[in-house]
Structures are given as structure tokens and as C-alpha cells.
Amino acid sequence: MRLHPASDLARARQFYEGKLGLRPKEVHEGGVAYAFGGGTACFLYLTPNAGTREAQGPGSGVFKDSEGNIMALIEEVPGS
């Protein structure tokens, strides 16, 4: 499970759910879990130390979320 820090959880949820169309799998006091295909997931959590993380790869799209984190969507090539 990937961890995604947020300094403003409400704003981050608005981005993840409103802009990206994700739906929460679980909501906890300190954050929200989102599930994806293939058993992958991420946990968006509240922290005053939200930072950035860069990720790049072939067949990918990179963008910033509401917290300034660098998000990468990477296409998995079958058989690799």
C-alpha cells in the first residue's frame, strides 16, 4: 500500500474523489484508504509534514495532487 501524506485531509479528499473520481474503501480518523485493481491501494493520511515524491517510468503520466505530491500513473506491460 502506498502512503500519501496530506496537510489538509478535506482538500486532499476533494481532489482524489472529486477530480480523480476515486471512492474510499475505508475511512479512518487519521486518513482514507482507496483500493485499485490488482490488489493495489493507497492510504491518504493527515500529517503536517506532507512532502513530495518523484516517480517516472515508461507509459506513465505524472501530475501533482492537492498536497504537492508528485503522482505517477504507470502502465504495467504484461509479461514484464
PDB file of N, CA and C in Angstrom:
ATOM      1  N   MET A   1       0.857  -1.178   0.000  1.00  0.00           N
ATOM      2  CA  MET A   1       0.000   0.000   0.000  1.00  0.00           C
ATOM      3  C   MET A   1       0.896   1.231   0.000  1.00  0.00           C
ATOM      4  N   ARG A   2       0.639   2.128  -0.926  1.00  0.00           N
ATOM      5  CA  ARG A   2       1.372   3.385  -0.994  1.00  0.00           C
ATOM      6  C   ARG A   2       0.783   4.365   0.008  1.00  0.00           C
ATOM      7  N   LEU A   3       1.639   5.153   0.641  1.00  0.00           N
ATOM      8  CA  LEU A   3       1.204   6.175   1.579  1.00  0.00           C
ATOM      9  C   LEU A   3       1.292   7.536   0.908  1.00  0.00           C
ATOM     10  N   HIS A   4       0.248   8.343   1.096  1.00  0.00           N
ATOM     11  CA  HIS A   4       0.207   9.682   0.524  1.00  0.00           C
ATOM     12  C   HIS A   4      -0.102  10.678   1.639  1.00  0.00           C
ATOM     13  N   PRO A   5       0.888  11.493   2.021  1.00  0.00           N
ATOM     14  CA  PRO A   5       0.687  12.472   3.081  1.00  0.00           C
ATOM     15  C   PRO A   5      -0.166  13.651   2.625  1.00  0.00           C
ATOM     16  N   ALA A   6      -0.917  14.223   3.561  1.00  0.00           N
ATOM     17  CA  ALA A   6      -1.749  15.399   3.273  1.00  0.00           C
ATOM     18  C   ALA A   6      -1.731  16.325   4.478  1.00  0.00           C
ATOM     19  N   SER A   7      -1.498  17.605   4.238  1.00  0.00           N
ATOM     20  CA  SER A   7      -1.557  18.566   5.336  1.00  0.00           C
ATOM     21  C   SER A   7      -2.984  19.050   5.566  1.00  0.00           C
ATOM     22  N   ASP A   8      -3.853  18.886   4.571  1.00  0.00           N
ATOM     23  CA  ASP A   8      -5.271  19.243   4.671  1.00  0.00           C
ATOM     24  C   ASP A   8      -6.065  18.070   4.087  1.00  0.00           C
ATOM     25  N   LEU A   9      -6.545  17.190   4.953  1.00  0.00           N
ATOM     26  CA  LEU A   9      -7.200  15.966   4.509  1.00  0.00           C
ATOM     27  C   LEU A   9      -8.475  16.230   3.714  1.00  0.00           C
ATOM     28  N   ALA A  10      -9.258  17.214   4.132  1.00  0.00           N
ATOM     29  CA  ALA A  10     -10.501  17.530   3.412  1.00  0.00           C
ATOM     30  C   ALA A  10     -10.206  17.987   1.985  1.00  0.00           C
ATOM     31  N   ARG A  11      -9.206  18.841   1.823  1.00  0.00           N
ATOM     32  CA  ARG A  11      -8.831  19.330   0.496  1.00  0.00           C
ATOM     33  C   ARG A  11      -8.286  18.186  -0.359  1.00  0.00           C
ATOM     34  N   ALA A  12      -7.461  17.333   0.240  1.00  0.00           N
ATOM     35  CA  ALA A  12      -6.893  16.202  -0.487  1.00  0.00           C
ATOM     36  C   ALA A  12      -7.986  15.237  -0.929  1.00  0.00           C
ATOM     37  N   ARG A  13      -8.945  14.962  -0.035  1.00  0.00           N
ATOM     38  CA  ARG A  13     -10.055  14.078  -0.407  1.00  0.00           C
ATOM     39  C   ARG A  13     -10.861  14.675  -1.539  1.00  0.00           C
ATOM     40  N   GLN A  14     -11.064  15.983  -1.522  1.00  0.00           N
ATOM     41  CA  GLN A  14     -11.807  16.645  -2.599  1.00  0.00           C
ATOM     42  C   GLN A  14     -11.096  16.424  -3.933  1.00  0.00           C
ATOM     43  N   PHE A  15      -9.766  16.472  -3.917  1.00  0.00           N
ATOM     44  CA  PHE A  15      -9.004  16.232  -5.130  1.00  0.00           C
ATOM     45  C   PHE A  15      -9.112  14.773  -5.568  1.00  0.00           C
ATOM     46  N   TYR A  16      -8.812  13.850  -4.667  1.00  0.00           N
ATOM     47  CA  TYR A  16      -8.820  12.426  -5.004  1.00  0.00           C
ATOM     48  C   TYR A  16     -10.208  11.942  -5.430  1.00  0.00           C
ATOM     49  N   GLU A  17     -11.221  12.403  -4.733  1.00  0.00           N
ATOM     50  CA  GLU A  17     -12.579  11.925  -5.021  1.00  0.00           C
ATOM     51  C   GLU A  17     -13.280  12.765  -6.079  1.00  0.00           C
ATOM     52  N   GLY A  18     -13.138  14.086  -6.009  1.00  0.00           N
ATOM     53  CA  GLY A  18     -13.816  14.964  -6.949  1.00  0.00           C
ATOM     54  C   GLY A  18     -13.147  15.033  -8.309  1.00  0.00           C
ATOM     55  N   LYS A  19     -11.820  15.168  -8.327  1.00  0.00           N
ATOM     56  CA  LYS A  19     -11.083  15.311  -9.589  1.00  0.00           C
ATOM     57  C   LYS A  19     -10.712  13.968 -10.211  1.00  0.00           C
ATOM     58  N   LEU A  20     -10.270  13.013  -9.368  1.00  0.00           N
ATOM     59  CA  LEU A  20      -9.826  11.723  -9.899  1.00  0.00           C
ATOM     60  C   LEU A  20     -10.929  10.674  -9.933  1.00  0.00           C
ATOM     61  N   GLY A  21     -12.030  10.936  -9.204  1.00  0.00           N
ATOM     62  CA  GLY A  21     -13.153  10.001  -9.207  1.00  0.00           C
ATOM     63  C   GLY A  21     -12.952   8.772  -8.349  1.00  0.00           C
ATOM     64  N   LEU A  22     -11.978   8.808  -7.422  1.00  0.00           N
ATOM     65  CA  LEU A  22     -11.757   7.660  -6.539  1.00  0.00           C
ATOM     66  C   LEU A  22     -12.833   7.602  -5.469  1.00  0.00           C
ATOM     67  N   ARG A  23     -13.137   6.415  -5.013  1.00  0.00           N
ATOM     68  CA  ARG A  23     -14.118   6.222  -3.945  1.00  0.00           C
ATOM     69  C   ARG A  23     -13.435   5.548  -2.768  1.00  0.00           C
ATOM     70  N   PRO A  24     -13.648   6.053  -1.552  1.00  0.00           N
ATOM     71  CA  PRO A  24     -12.988   5.474  -0.382  1.00  0.00           C
ATOM     72  C   PRO A  24     -13.411   4.022  -0.140  1.00  0.00           C
ATOM     73  N   LYS A  25     -12.418   3.205   0.190  1.00  0.00           N
ATOM     74  CA  LYS A  25     -12.700   1.836   0.600  1.00  0.00           C
ATOM     75  C   LYS A  25     -12.931   1.801   2.107  1.00  0.00           C
ATOM     76  N   GLU A  26     -12.093   2.548   2.837  1.00  0.00           N
ATOM     77  CA  GLU A  26     -12.209   2.652   4.289  1.00  0.00           C
ATOM     78  C   GLU A  26     -11.888   4.079   4.708  1.00  0.00           C
ATOM     79  N   VAL A  27     -12.617   4.575   5.681  1.00  0.00           N
ATOM     80  CA  VAL A  27     -12.358   5.899   6.231  1.00  0.00           C
ATOM     81  C   VAL A  27     -12.001   5.728   7.697  1.00  0.00           C
ATOM     82  N   HIS A  28     -10.857   6.280   8.091  1.00  0.00           N
ATOM     83  CA  HIS A  28     -10.381   6.206   9.469  1.00  0.00           C
ATOM     84  C   HIS A  28     -10.223   7.621  10.004  1.00  0.00           C
ATOM     85  N   GLU A  29     -10.031   7.748  11.285  1.00  0.00           N
ATOM     86  CA  GLU A  29      -9.861   9.069  11.894  1.00  0.00           C
ATOM     87  C   GLU A  29      -8.676   9.812  11.287  1.00  0.00           C
ATOM     88  N   GLY A  30      -7.589   9.086  11.005  1.00  0.00           N
ATOM     89  CA  GLY A  30      -6.379   9.733  10.501  1.00  0.00           C
ATOM     90  C   GLY A  30      -6.194   9.693   9.005  1.00  0.00           C
ATOM     91  N   GLY A  31      -7.139   9.106   8.252  1.00  0.00           N
ATOM     92  CA  GLY A  31      -6.955   9.055   6.817  1.00  0.00           C
ATOM     93  C   GLY A  31      -7.999   8.228   6.096  1.00  0.00           C
ATOM     94  N   VAL A  32      -7.746   8.027   4.807  1.00  0.00           N
ATOM     95  CA  VAL A  32      -8.692   7.340   3.929  1.00  0.00           C
ATOM     96  C   VAL A  32      -7.922   6.349   3.051  1.00  0.00           C
ATOM     97  N   ALA A  33      -8.447   5.130   2.924  1.00  0.00           N
ATOM     98  CA  ALA A  33      -7.846   4.126   2.046  1.00  0.00           C
ATOM     99  C   ALA A  33      -8.639   4.045   0.748  1.00  0.00           C
ATOM    100  N   TYR A  34      -7.907   3.993  -0.368  1.00  0.00           N
ATOM    101  CA  TYR A  34      -8.507   3.831  -1.684  1.00  0.00           C
ATOM    102  C   TYR A  34      -7.952   2.545  -2.289  1.00  0.00           C
ATOM    103  N   ALA A  35      -8.815   1.706  -2.852  1.00  0.00           N
ATOM    104  CA  ALA A  35      -8.390   0.455  -3.471  1.00  0.00           C
ATOM    105  C   ALA A  35      -8.422   0.596  -4.984  1.00  0.00           C
ATOM    106  N   PHE A  36      -7.472  -0.064  -5.643  1.00  0.00           N
ATOM    107  CA  PHE A  36      -7.373  -0.062  -7.088  1.00  0.00           C
ATOM    108  C   PHE A  36      -7.394  -1.497  -7.586  1.00  0.00           C
ATOM    109  N   GLY A  37      -7.310  -1.693  -8.877  1.00  0.00           N
ATOM    110  CA  GLY A  37      -7.291  -3.030  -9.447  1.00  0.00           C
ATOM    111  C   GLY A  37      -6.022  -3.783  -9.100  1.00  0.00           C
ATOM    112  N   GLY A  38      -6.101  -5.096  -9.172  1.00  0.00           N
ATOM    113  CA  GLY A  38      -4.928  -5.928  -8.945  1.00  0.00           C
ATOM    114  C   GLY A  38      -4.446  -5.955  -7.514  1.00  0.00           C
ATOM    115  N   GLY A  39      -5.316  -5.592  -6.568  1.00  0.00           N
ATOM    116  CA  GLY A  39      -4.945  -5.634  -5.160  1.00  0.00           C
ATOM    117  C   GLY A  39      -4.087  -4.477  -4.688  1.00  0.00           C
ATOM    118  N   THR A  40      -3.932  -3.441  -5.512  1.00  0.00           N
ATOM    119  CA  THR A  40      -3.137  -2.287  -5.085  1.00  0.00           C
ATOM    120  C   THR A  40      -4.029  -1.278  -4.377  1.00  0.00           C
ATOM    121  N   ALA A  41      -3.404  -0.442  -3.557  1.00  0.00           N
ATOM    122  CA  ALA A  41      -4.171   0.538  -2.782  1.00  0.00           C
ATOM    123  C   ALA A  41      -3.250   1.672  -2.343  1.00  0.00           C
ATOM    124  N   CYS A  42      -3.863   2.749  -1.864  1.00  0.00           N
ATOM    125  CA  CYS A  42      -3.091   3.822  -1.235  1.00  0.00           C
ATOM    126  C   CYS A  42      -3.844   4.303  -0.008  1.00  0.00           C
ATOM    127  N   PHE A  43      -3.097   4.875   0.919  1.00  0.00           N
ATOM    128  CA  PHE A  43      -3.682   5.425   2.137  1.00  0.00           C
ATOM    129  C   PHE A  43      -3.308   6.890   2.217  1.00  0.00           C
ATOM    130  N   LEU A  44      -4.292   7.742   2.166  1.00  0.00           N
ATOM    131  CA  LEU A  44      -4.138   9.183   2.268  1.00  0.00           C
ATOM    132  C   LEU A  44      -4.230   9.532   3.749  1.00  0.00           C
ATOM    133  N   TYR A  45      -3.161  10.094   4.326  1.00  0.00           N
ATOM    134  CA  TYR A  45      -3.169  10.335   5.770  1.00  0.00           C
ATOM    135  C   TYR A  45      -2.777  11.769   6.108  1.00  0.00           C
ATOM    136  N   LEU A  46      -3.271  12.229   7.222  1.00  0.00           N
ATOM    137  CA  LEU A  46      -3.053  13.588   7.697  1.00  0.00           C
ATOM    138  C   LEU A  46      -1.706  13.695   8.399  1.00  0.00           C
ATOM    139  N   THR A  47      -0.905  14.667   7.979  1.00  0.00           N
ATOM    140  CA  THR A  47       0.371  14.951   8.635  1.00  0.00           C
ATOM    141  C   THR A  47       0.776  16.383   8.316  1.00  0.00           C
ATOM    142  N   PRO A  48       1.375  17.077   9.270  1.00  0.00           N
ATOM    143  CA  PRO A  48       1.856  18.428   8.969  1.00  0.00           C
ATOM    144  C   PRO A  48       3.121  18.396   8.111  1.00  0.00           C
ATOM    145  N   ASN A  49       3.700  17.219   7.905  1.00  0.00           N
ATOM    146  CA  ASN A  49       4.948  17.075   7.161  1.00  0.00           C
ATOM    147  C   ASN A  49       4.751  16.564   5.741  1.00  0.00           C
ATOM    148  N   ALA A  50       3.607  16.841   5.141  1.00  0.00           N
ATOM    149  CA  ALA A  50       3.349  16.388   3.773  1.00  0.00           C
ATOM    150  C   ALA A  50       4.435  16.926   2.853  1.00  0.00           C
ATOM    151  N   GLY A  51       4.978  16.050   2.001  1.00  0.00           N
ATOM    152  CA  GLY A  51       6.062  16.456   1.106  1.00  0.00           C
ATOM    153  C   GLY A  51       5.807  16.016  -0.315  1.00  0.00           C
ATOM    154  N   THR A  52       6.869  15.889  -1.068  1.00  0.00           N
ATOM    155  CA  THR A  52       6.756  15.472  -2.461  1.00  0.00           C
ATOM    156  C   THR A  52       7.554  14.194  -2.676  1.00  0.00           C
ATOM    157  N   ARG A  53       7.209  13.508  -3.734  1.00  0.00           N
ATOM    158  CA  ARG A  53       7.936  12.301  -4.119  1.00  0.00           C
ATOM    159  C   ARG A  53       7.850  12.201  -5.633  1.00  0.00           C
ATOM    160  N   GLU A  54       8.994  12.025  -6.252  1.00  0.00           N
ATOM    161  CA  GLU A  54       9.005  11.940  -7.704  1.00  0.00           C
ATOM    162  C   GLU A  54       9.017  10.483  -8.153  1.00  0.00           C
ATOM    163  N   ALA A  55       8.278  10.214  -9.195  1.00  0.00           N
ATOM    164  CA  ALA A  55       8.257   8.877  -9.795  1.00  0.00           C
ATOM    165  C   ALA A  55       8.042   9.044 -11.291  1.00  0.00           C
ATOM    166  N   GLN A  56       8.854   8.354 -12.082  1.00  0.00           N
ATOM    167  CA  GLN A  56       8.709   8.412 -13.536  1.00  0.00           C
ATOM    168  C   GLN A  56       8.908   7.013 -14.092  1.00  0.00           C
ATOM    169  N   GLY A  57       8.387   6.723 -15.207  1.00  0.00           N
ATOM    170  CA  GLY A  57       8.561   5.447 -15.867  1.00  0.00           C
ATOM    171  C   GLY A  57       7.956   5.464 -17.219  1.00  0.00           C
ATOM    172  N   PRO A  58       8.277   4.458 -18.128  1.00  0.00           N
ATOM    173  CA  PRO A  58       7.689   4.413 -19.469  1.00  0.00           C
ATOM    174  C   PRO A  58       6.194   4.153 -19.399  1.00  0.00           C
ATOM    175  N   GLY A  59       5.435   4.737 -20.312  1.00  0.00           N
ATOM    176  CA  GLY A  59       3.986   4.562 -20.314  1.00  0.00           C
ATOM    177  C   GLY A  59       3.355   5.149 -19.077  1.00  0.00           C
ATOM    178  N   SER A  60       3.797   6.340 -18.700  1.00  0.00           N
ATOM    179  CA  SER A  60       3.294   6.925 -17.459  1.00  0.00           C
ATOM    180  C   SER A  60       2.781   8.338 -17.681  1.00  0.00           C
ATOM    181  N   GLY A  61       1.980   8.777 -16.741  1.00  0.00           N
ATOM    182  CA  GLY A  61       1.520  10.150 -16.689  1.00  0.00           C
ATOM    183  C   GLY A  61       1.847  10.682 -15.303  1.00  0.00           C
ATOM    184  N   VAL A  62       2.368  11.877 -15.221  1.00  0.00           N
ATOM    185  CA  VAL A  62       2.777  12.449 -13.939  1.00  0.00           C
ATOM    186  C   VAL A  62       2.008  13.737 -13.697  1.00  0.00           C
ATOM    187  N   PHE A  63       1.525  13.922 -12.469  1.00  0.00           N
ATOM    188  CA  PHE A  63       0.802  15.133 -12.102  1.00  0.00           C
ATOM    189  C   PHE A  63       0.973  15.362 -10.610  1.00  0.00           C
ATOM    190  N   LYS A  64       0.612  16.544 -10.134  1.00  0.00           N
ATOM    191  CA  LYS A  64       0.660  16.865  -8.710  1.00  0.00           C
ATOM    192  C   LYS A  64      -0.735  16.760  -8.124  1.00  0.00           C
ATOM    193  N   ASP A  65      -0.806  16.245  -6.885  1.00  0.00           N
ATOM    194  CA  ASP A  65      -2.091  16.221  -6.192  1.00  0.00           C
ATOM    195  C   ASP A  65      -2.260  17.514  -5.403  1.00  0.00           C
ATOM    196  N   SER A  66      -3.321  17.612  -4.621  1.00  0.00           N
ATOM    197  CA  SER A  66      -3.626  18.849  -3.897  1.00  0.00           C
ATOM    198  C   SER A  66      -2.597  19.183  -2.818  1.00  0.00           C
ATOM    199  N   GLU A  67      -1.743  18.221  -2.435  1.00  0.00           N
ATOM    200  CA  GLU A  67      -0.728  18.442  -1.416  1.00  0.00           C
ATOM    201  C   GLU A  67       0.645  18.720  -2.005  1.00  0.00           C
ATOM    202  N   GLY A  68       0.739  18.734  -3.342  1.00  0.00           N
ATOM    203  CA  GLY A  68       2.017  18.946  -3.992  1.00  0.00           C
ATOM    204  C   GLY A  68       2.809  17.671  -4.192  1.00  0.00           C
ATOM    205  N   ASN A  69       2.241  16.516  -3.830  1.00  0.00           N
ATOM    206  CA  ASN A  69       2.903  15.241  -4.078  1.00  0.00           C
ATOM    207  C   ASN A  69       2.937  14.980  -5.572  1.00  0.00           C
ATOM    208  N   ILE A  70       4.031  14.433  -6.060  1.00  0.00           N
ATOM    209  CA  ILE A  70       4.135  14.042  -7.454  1.00  0.00           C
ATOM    210  C   ILE A  70       3.529  12.648  -7.580  1.00  0.00           C
ATOM    211  N   MET A  71       2.479  12.520  -8.379  1.00  0.00           N
ATOM    212  CA  MET A  71       1.794  11.250  -8.572  1.00  0.00           C
ATOM    213  C   MET A  71       2.143  10.729  -9.957  1.00  0.00           C
ATOM    214  N   ALA A  72       2.375   9.424 -10.071  1.00  0.00           N
ATOM    215  CA  ALA A  72       2.656   8.825 -11.366  1.00  0.00           C
ATOM    216  C   ALA A  72       1.703   7.671 -11.604  1.00  0.00           C
ATOM    217  N   LEU A  73       1.101   7.652 -12.771  1.00  0.00           N
ATOM    218  CA  LEU A  73       0.300   6.521 -13.219  1.00  0.00           C
ATOM    219  C   LEU A  73       1.165   5.784 -14.223  1.00  0.00           C
ATOM    220  N   ILE A  74       1.495   4.523 -13.923  1.00  0.00           N
ATOM    221  CA  ILE A  74       2.421   3.772 -14.760  1.00  0.00           C
ATOM    222  C   ILE A  74       1.725   2.559 -15.340  1.00  0.00           C
ATOM    223  N   GLU A  75       1.817   2.400 -16.654  1.00  0.00           N
ATOM    224  CA  GLU A  75       1.225   1.271 -17.336  1.00  0.00           C
ATOM    225  C   GLU A  75       2.104   0.038 -17.143  1.00  0.00           C
ATOM    226  N   GLU A  76       1.516  -1.043 -16.650  1.00  0.00           N
ATOM    227  CA  GLU A  76       2.238  -2.297 -16.488  1.00  0.00           C
ATOM    228  C   GLU A  76       2.169  -3.071 -17.781  1.00  0.00           C
ATOM    229  N   VAL A  77       3.313  -3.494 -18.282  1.00  0.00           N
ATOM    230  CA  VAL A  77       3.369  -4.248 -19.523  1.00  0.00           C
ATOM    231  C   VAL A  77       3.245  -5.735 -19.196  1.00  0.00           C
ATOM    232  N   PRO A  78       2.236  -6.431 -19.766  1.00  0.00           N
ATOM    233  CA  PRO A  78       2.075  -7.855 -19.478  1.00  0.00           C
ATOM    234  C   PRO A  78       3.352  -8.636 -19.778  1.00  0.00           C
ATOM    235  N   GLY A  79       3.706  -9.544 -18.863  1.00  0.00           N
ATOM    236  CA  GLY A  79       4.878 -10.377 -19.037  1.00  0.00           C
ATOM    237  C   GLY A  79       6.175  -9.746 -18.586  1.00  0.00           C
ATOM    238  N   SER A  80       6.100  -8.536 -18.046  1.00  0.00           N
ATOM    239  CA  SER A  80       7.352  -7.897 -17.608  1.00  0.00           C
ATOM    240  C   SER A  80       7.609  -8.146 -16.145  1.00  0.00           C
TER     241      SER A  80
END
